[in-house]
Amino acid sequence: MPKVKSFCLTAFISFLGLKSIAQTHINLYPGTVPNSISGPDQEVHAANTLVDSLTSKVSIPGLTIFLPAKEKATGTAVIICPGGGYGTLLTKREGSDVARAFNKLGIAAFVVKYRLPDPKIMKDQSIGPIQDAQQAIKIVRERATEFGIDPTKIGIMGFSAGGHLASTAGTHFETRYIDEGGKTSLRPDFMILINPVVSFNDTTGHIGSRDNLLGKNAGAEKIRLFSNELQVTKATPPTFLVHSGADVVVPAANSIEFYKALNNNGVPGALHIYSKGEHGFLTYPTFEEWFGRVMEWMNTLI
């Protein structure tokens, strides 16, 4: 990955409200959405004082494309999975705002509006989100030339439950939940997990996310399959993790156990645990602080 040019985070944060050089929204699937049950589109958008935008009842998944100015483009891309407990999507603070920050540094960004698990709209609710994440990787990799990116420098980023989805993409890529028999690699080249849900076990897992994705009566085998700290292998992509030790919503043990699994398998990883700060980093650490560490780590992947 080309080294990102030096920058002053404080300076560019003030420009986050500006529109990206290129911003387009497309549907993830050109035709019928796989694993879907036909029904009316009931997607809901709502404002929220903390995160500005919430999207729920997603049945038509999409991808919003944020491309940097050509003269700044580094060739690197990040696919972003907003959080929301698999019940909603925080599409601004954990989506478009971060995408624009990447664009300022010459990095292309793609925000996934993935389907939220619901037996009313999908045949198997447990695989709907990962199908959409894999489809996003497939689109970005196959259209890399059009987007001005290197197909070997495509990472995935996720917040909270979006971190679970991103870590699923990074540990389940050998199982093709879409286009069985397809040839395009679905493996992300790196992962960025922000206060992620990783485990679905009873002690450290986020039970709300588990129930939303797998259902309240999920069996032990299914819970283990989607406890992603147990699915790390030597082929898992290099990963950056950041968490607050004071997080009472999603314990920092999720990040710690995933990092330990990476280390045990010889996979490069970075782990940052802050001594304070709530889930979602609403007040601490600042965006400049944790995002700066992300960029520093991305520079080490060269």
Protein backbone atom coordinates (compact mmCIF):
# COMPACT_ATOMS: atom_id res chain seq x y z
CA MET A 1 0.00 0.00 0.00
CA PRO A 2 1.50 3.39 -0.94
CA LYS A 3 2.47 5.51 2.06
CA VAL A 4 -0.17 8.10 2.83
CA LYS A 5 1.23 11.58 2.64
CA SER A 6 1.84 13.38 5.91
CA PHE A 7 -1.16 15.29 7.12
CA CYS A 8 -2.62 17.35 9.91
CA LEU A 9 -5.79 15.70 11.13
CA THR A 10 -6.97 18.80 12.94
CA ALA A 11 -6.80 20.80 9.73
CA PHE A 12 -8.74 18.42 7.53
CA ILE A 13 -11.44 17.53 10.07
CA SER A 14 -12.91 21.00 9.56
CA PHE A 15 -13.49 20.09 5.94
CA LEU A 16 -15.50 16.91 6.61
CA GLY A 17 -18.72 18.68 5.72
CA LEU A 18 -17.57 19.24 2.14
CA LYS A 19 -18.88 16.89 -0.50
CA SER A 20 -16.44 14.32 -1.86
CA ILE A 21 -14.99 14.76 -5.32
CA ALA A 22 -17.09 11.83 -6.54
CA GLN A 23 -20.02 10.38 -4.64
CA THR A 24 -22.44 7.90 -6.18
CA HIS A 25 -24.88 5.37 -4.74
CA ILE A 26 -25.48 2.07 -6.49
CA ASN A 27 -27.47 -1.05 -5.68
CA LEU A 28 -25.26 -3.96 -4.65
CA TYR A 29 -27.05 -6.39 -6.93
CA PRO A 30 -28.08 -5.64 -10.52
CA GLY A 31 -31.07 -7.98 -10.31
CA THR A 32 -32.71 -10.11 -7.64
CA VAL A 33 -31.11 -9.84 -4.21
CA PRO A 34 -29.89 -13.31 -3.21
CA ASN A 35 -31.46 -14.99 -0.19
CA SER A 36 -34.33 -12.52 -0.27
CA ILE A 37 -38.07 -12.85 0.19
CA SER A 38 -40.08 -10.53 -2.01
CA GLY A 39 -41.90 -7.71 -0.28
CA PRO A 40 -42.29 -3.93 -0.22
CA ASP A 41 -39.30 -1.71 0.53
CA GLN A 42 -39.87 -0.49 4.12
CA GLU A 43 -36.52 1.22 4.68
CA VAL A 44 -36.64 3.91 7.35
CA HIS A 45 -34.37 6.94 7.80
CA ALA A 46 -34.31 8.97 11.01
CA ALA A 47 -32.23 11.76 12.51
CA ASN A 48 -30.42 11.26 15.80
CA THR A 49 -28.72 13.94 17.90
CA LEU A 50 -25.61 11.81 18.47
CA VAL A 51 -25.01 10.21 15.11
CA ASP A 52 -27.11 12.39 12.80
CA SER A 53 -28.52 9.61 10.63
CA LEU A 54 -30.01 6.17 11.27
CA THR A 55 -31.16 3.70 8.64
CA SER A 56 -33.23 0.63 9.49
CA LYS A 57 -35.33 -2.08 7.81
CA VAL A 58 -32.84 -2.33 4.94
CA SER A 59 -33.96 -4.81 2.30
CA ILE A 60 -32.32 -3.28 -0.80
CA PRO A 61 -28.59 -3.19 -0.08
CA GLY A 62 -26.40 -0.55 -1.66
CA LEU A 63 -22.94 0.94 -1.88
CA THR A 64 -22.11 4.65 -1.68
CA ILE A 65 -18.90 5.42 -3.53
CA PHE A 66 -16.58 8.19 -2.31
CA LEU A 67 -13.59 8.79 -4.59
CA PRO A 68 -10.74 11.21 -3.83
CA ALA A 69 -9.42 13.79 -6.24
CA LYS A 70 -7.34 12.02 -8.89
CA GLU A 71 -4.24 14.02 -8.07
CA LYS A 72 -4.42 12.80 -4.45
CA ALA A 73 -5.38 9.18 -5.12
CA THR A 74 -3.08 6.61 -3.49
CA GLY A 75 -4.72 3.55 -5.03
CA THR A 76 -5.87 2.25 -1.66
CA ALA A 77 -9.56 1.62 -0.86
CA VAL A 78 -11.54 0.98 2.31
CA ILE A 79 -15.01 -0.59 2.42
CA ILE A 80 -16.87 0.75 5.48
CA CYS A 81 -19.52 -1.19 7.45
CA PRO A 82 -21.45 1.10 9.83
CA GLY A 83 -22.50 -0.24 13.23
CA GLY A 84 -25.91 -0.44 14.86
CA GLY A 85 -26.25 -3.84 16.53
CA TYR A 86 -27.55 -5.51 13.33
CA GLY A 87 -30.75 -3.59 14.00
CA THR A 88 -29.95 -0.25 12.40
CA LEU A 89 -27.09 1.48 10.55
CA LEU A 90 -25.29 4.60 11.77
CA THR A 91 -24.71 5.84 8.26
CA LYS A 92 -23.18 9.27 8.86
CA ARG A 93 -20.82 9.21 11.85
CA GLU A 94 -19.71 5.66 11.08
CA GLY A 95 -20.14 5.95 7.34
CA SER A 96 -20.01 9.07 5.18
CA ASP A 97 -18.00 11.18 7.65
CA VAL A 98 -15.23 8.58 7.79
CA ALA A 99 -15.35 8.08 4.02
CA ARG A 100 -14.74 11.79 3.48
CA ALA A 101 -11.85 11.72 5.93
CA PHE A 102 -10.25 8.93 3.91
CA ASN A 103 -10.84 10.89 0.69
CA LYS A 104 -8.90 13.86 2.09
CA LEU A 105 -5.91 11.53 2.30
CA GLY A 106 -6.31 10.15 -1.21
CA ILE A 107 -8.01 6.91 -0.15
CA ALA A 108 -11.17 5.72 -1.90
CA ALA A 109 -14.01 4.73 0.42
CA PHE A 110 -17.17 2.71 -0.06
CA VAL A 111 -19.96 2.71 2.55
CA VAL A 112 -22.05 -0.46 2.59
CA LYS A 113 -25.77 -0.24 3.30
CA TYR A 114 -26.11 -3.90 4.19
CA ARG A 115 -29.32 -5.76 4.85
CA LEU A 116 -30.38 -6.00 8.47
CA PRO A 117 -31.32 -9.54 9.54
CA ASP A 118 -35.05 -10.17 9.37
CA PRO A 119 -36.79 -13.50 8.66
CA LYS A 120 -39.54 -11.55 6.91
CA ILE A 121 -37.23 -10.41 4.12
CA MET A 122 -34.57 -13.13 3.88
CA LYS A 123 -34.56 -16.91 3.79
CA ASP A 124 -31.52 -17.19 6.07
CA GLN A 125 -31.10 -14.05 8.17
CA SER A 126 -27.69 -15.13 9.47
CA ILE A 127 -25.96 -14.75 6.10
CA GLY A 128 -27.69 -11.67 4.64
CA PRO A 129 -25.12 -9.14 5.93
CA ILE A 130 -22.05 -11.20 4.96
CA GLN A 131 -23.50 -11.74 1.49
CA ASP A 132 -23.69 -7.97 1.11
CA ALA A 133 -20.17 -7.41 2.47
CA GLN A 134 -18.79 -10.00 0.06
CA GLN A 135 -20.71 -8.46 -2.82
CA ALA A 136 -19.22 -5.06 -1.95
CA ILE A 137 -15.70 -6.52 -2.02
CA LYS A 138 -16.48 -8.21 -5.34
CA ILE A 139 -17.75 -4.98 -6.93
CA VAL A 140 -14.84 -2.87 -5.73
CA ARG A 141 -12.24 -5.42 -6.83
CA GLU A 142 -13.81 -6.07 -10.24
CA ARG A 143 -14.23 -2.33 -10.94
CA ALA A 144 -10.87 -1.32 -9.50
CA THR A 145 -9.63 0.23 -12.75
CA GLU A 146 -12.78 2.34 -13.05
CA PHE A 147 -12.40 3.52 -9.44
CA GLY A 148 -8.69 4.21 -9.81
CA ILE A 149 -7.61 1.75 -7.13
CA ASP A 150 -5.24 -1.19 -6.82
CA PRO A 151 -7.25 -4.46 -6.57
CA THR A 152 -4.65 -5.79 -4.09
CA LYS A 153 -5.11 -2.85 -1.69
CA ILE A 154 -8.76 -3.14 -0.69
CA GLY A 155 -9.47 -3.20 3.03
CA ILE A 156 -12.64 -3.47 5.09
CA MET A 157 -13.55 -1.38 8.14
CA GLY A 158 -16.33 -1.87 10.66
CA PHE A 159 -17.72 -0.22 13.77
CA SER A 160 -19.31 -2.23 16.60
CA ALA A 161 -21.65 -4.76 14.91
CA GLY A 162 -20.23 -3.48 11.63
CA GLY A 163 -16.91 -4.64 13.07
CA HIS A 164 -18.41 -8.08 13.46
CA LEU A 165 -19.46 -8.00 9.83
CA ALA A 166 -16.01 -6.79 8.73
CA SER A 167 -14.28 -9.47 10.80
CA THR A 168 -16.64 -12.06 9.32
CA ALA A 169 -15.57 -10.93 5.85
CA GLY A 170 -11.95 -11.31 6.94
CA THR A 171 -12.33 -14.78 8.44
CA HIS A 172 -15.02 -16.42 6.27
CA PHE A 173 -13.80 -15.40 2.81
CA GLU A 174 -13.13 -19.00 1.76
CA THR A 175 -16.88 -19.63 2.05
CA ARG A 176 -18.57 -17.90 -0.85
CA TYR A 177 -21.97 -16.76 0.38
CA ILE A 178 -22.49 -15.20 -3.06
CA ASP A 179 -21.67 -16.39 -6.62
CA GLU A 180 -20.68 -19.93 -5.66
CA GLY A 181 -17.88 -20.95 -8.00
CA GLY A 182 -16.90 -17.33 -8.69
CA LYS A 183 -13.26 -16.46 -9.33
CA THR A 184 -12.92 -12.97 -7.84
CA SER A 185 -11.15 -13.05 -4.48
CA LEU A 186 -13.46 -12.06 -1.60
CA ARG A 187 -10.58 -11.72 0.89
CA PRO A 188 -10.02 -8.18 2.18
CA ASP A 189 -6.37 -7.14 2.04
CA PHE A 190 -6.56 -5.62 5.54
CA MET A 191 -9.13 -4.97 8.28
CA ILE A 192 -9.82 -1.98 10.54
CA LEU A 193 -12.07 -2.86 13.50
CA ILE A 194 -13.37 -0.04 15.70
CA ASN A 195 -14.81 -1.11 19.10
CA PRO A 196 -15.92 -4.26 17.29
CA VAL A 197 -18.27 -7.01 18.25
CA VAL A 198 -16.16 -10.09 17.52
CA SER A 199 -17.41 -12.87 19.76
CA PHE A 200 -20.91 -14.25 20.23
CA ASN A 201 -20.10 -16.21 23.39
CA ASP A 202 -22.16 -15.70 26.54
CA THR A 203 -19.47 -13.90 28.54
CA THR A 204 -17.87 -11.30 26.26
CA GLY A 205 -20.11 -11.36 23.20
CA HIS A 206 -22.72 -8.72 22.43
CA ILE A 207 -25.90 -10.74 22.87
CA GLY A 208 -28.12 -8.16 21.18
CA SER A 209 -26.11 -8.36 17.96
CA ARG A 210 -26.03 -12.15 18.24
CA ASP A 211 -29.78 -12.40 18.66
CA ASN A 212 -30.43 -10.02 15.78
CA LEU A 213 -28.13 -11.89 13.41
CA LEU A 214 -28.64 -15.51 14.41
CA GLY A 215 -31.97 -15.43 16.24
CA LYS A 216 -32.61 -15.93 19.96
CA ASN A 217 -32.51 -19.72 19.70
CA ALA A 218 -29.24 -20.11 17.79
CA GLY A 219 -27.43 -23.39 18.41
CA ALA A 220 -23.93 -23.72 19.80
CA GLU A 221 -22.43 -24.64 16.43
CA LYS A 222 -23.81 -21.51 14.76
CA ILE A 223 -22.66 -19.31 17.65
CA ARG A 224 -19.17 -20.76 17.39
CA LEU A 225 -19.09 -20.31 13.60
CA PHE A 226 -19.81 -16.59 13.91
CA SER A 227 -17.54 -16.03 16.92
CA ASN A 228 -14.79 -14.71 14.73
CA GLU A 229 -11.94 -14.93 17.22
CA LEU A 230 -12.31 -18.69 16.74
CA GLN A 231 -12.12 -18.44 12.94
CA VAL A 232 -8.73 -16.73 12.59
CA THR A 233 -6.18 -18.57 10.45
CA LYS A 234 -2.80 -17.78 8.96
CA ALA A 235 -4.67 -16.42 5.92
CA THR A 236 -6.60 -13.81 7.93
CA PRO A 237 -5.71 -10.29 6.73
CA PRO A 238 -3.54 -7.92 8.82
CA THR A 239 -5.82 -6.15 11.29
CA PHE A 240 -5.97 -2.91 13.28
CA LEU A 241 -8.16 -2.95 16.41
CA VAL A 242 -9.08 -0.10 18.74
CA HIS A 243 -11.32 -0.21 21.82
CA SER A 244 -12.02 1.48 25.13
CA GLY A 245 -11.31 -0.51 28.27
CA ALA A 246 -14.29 1.28 29.81
CA ASP A 247 -16.72 0.14 27.11
CA VAL A 248 -19.71 -1.37 28.92
CA VAL A 249 -21.66 -2.15 25.73
CA VAL A 250 -19.10 -4.24 23.86
CA PRO A 251 -16.25 -5.36 26.18
CA ALA A 252 -12.68 -4.72 25.07
CA ALA A 253 -12.16 -8.49 25.41
CA ASN A 254 -13.63 -8.76 21.91
CA SER A 255 -10.66 -6.92 20.45
CA ILE A 256 -8.16 -8.51 22.83
CA GLU A 257 -9.17 -12.07 21.99
CA PHE A 258 -9.12 -11.36 18.27
CA TYR A 259 -5.64 -9.85 18.58
CA LYS A 260 -4.45 -12.88 20.53
CA ALA A 261 -5.79 -15.15 17.78
CA LEU A 262 -3.98 -13.07 15.14
CA ASN A 263 -0.76 -13.29 17.14
CA ASN A 264 -1.12 -17.04 17.61
CA ASN A 265 -1.44 -17.46 13.84
CA GLY A 266 1.41 -15.16 12.90
CA VAL A 267 -0.86 -12.50 11.38
CA PRO A 268 0.33 -8.88 11.75
CA GLY A 269 -1.96 -6.88 13.98
CA ALA A 270 -2.14 -3.70 16.05
CA LEU A 271 -4.26 -3.24 19.18
CA HIS A 272 -4.99 0.04 20.99
CA ILE A 273 -6.94 0.06 24.24
CA TYR A 274 -7.85 3.44 25.75
CA SER A 275 -8.30 3.68 29.51
CA LYS A 276 -11.52 5.64 29.20
CA GLY A 277 -14.19 6.41 26.65
CA GLU A 278 -17.65 5.07 25.95
CA HIS A 279 -18.76 2.73 23.21
CA GLY A 280 -18.58 4.56 19.90
CA PHE A 281 -15.99 7.10 21.12
CA LEU A 282 -18.62 9.83 21.34
CA THR A 283 -16.49 11.98 23.66
CA TYR A 284 -13.13 10.20 23.98
CA PRO A 285 -10.85 9.44 22.27
CA THR A 286 -11.31 12.14 19.66
CA PHE A 287 -11.65 11.27 16.01
CA GLU A 288 -8.26 12.87 15.38
CA GLU A 289 -6.66 10.58 17.95
CA TRP A 290 -7.93 7.15 16.91
CA PHE A 291 -8.09 7.90 13.19
CA GLY A 292 -4.53 9.14 13.31
CA ARG A 293 -3.48 5.77 14.72
CA VAL A 294 -5.35 4.03 11.91
CA MET A 295 -3.41 6.02 9.33
CA GLU A 296 -0.11 5.42 11.08
CA TRP A 297 -0.80 1.68 11.01
CA MET A 298 -1.85 1.72 7.35
CA ASN A 299 1.54 3.22 6.54
CA THR A 300 3.24 0.17 8.05
CA LEU A 301 1.56 -2.17 5.55
CA ILE A 302 3.91 -1.13 2.76
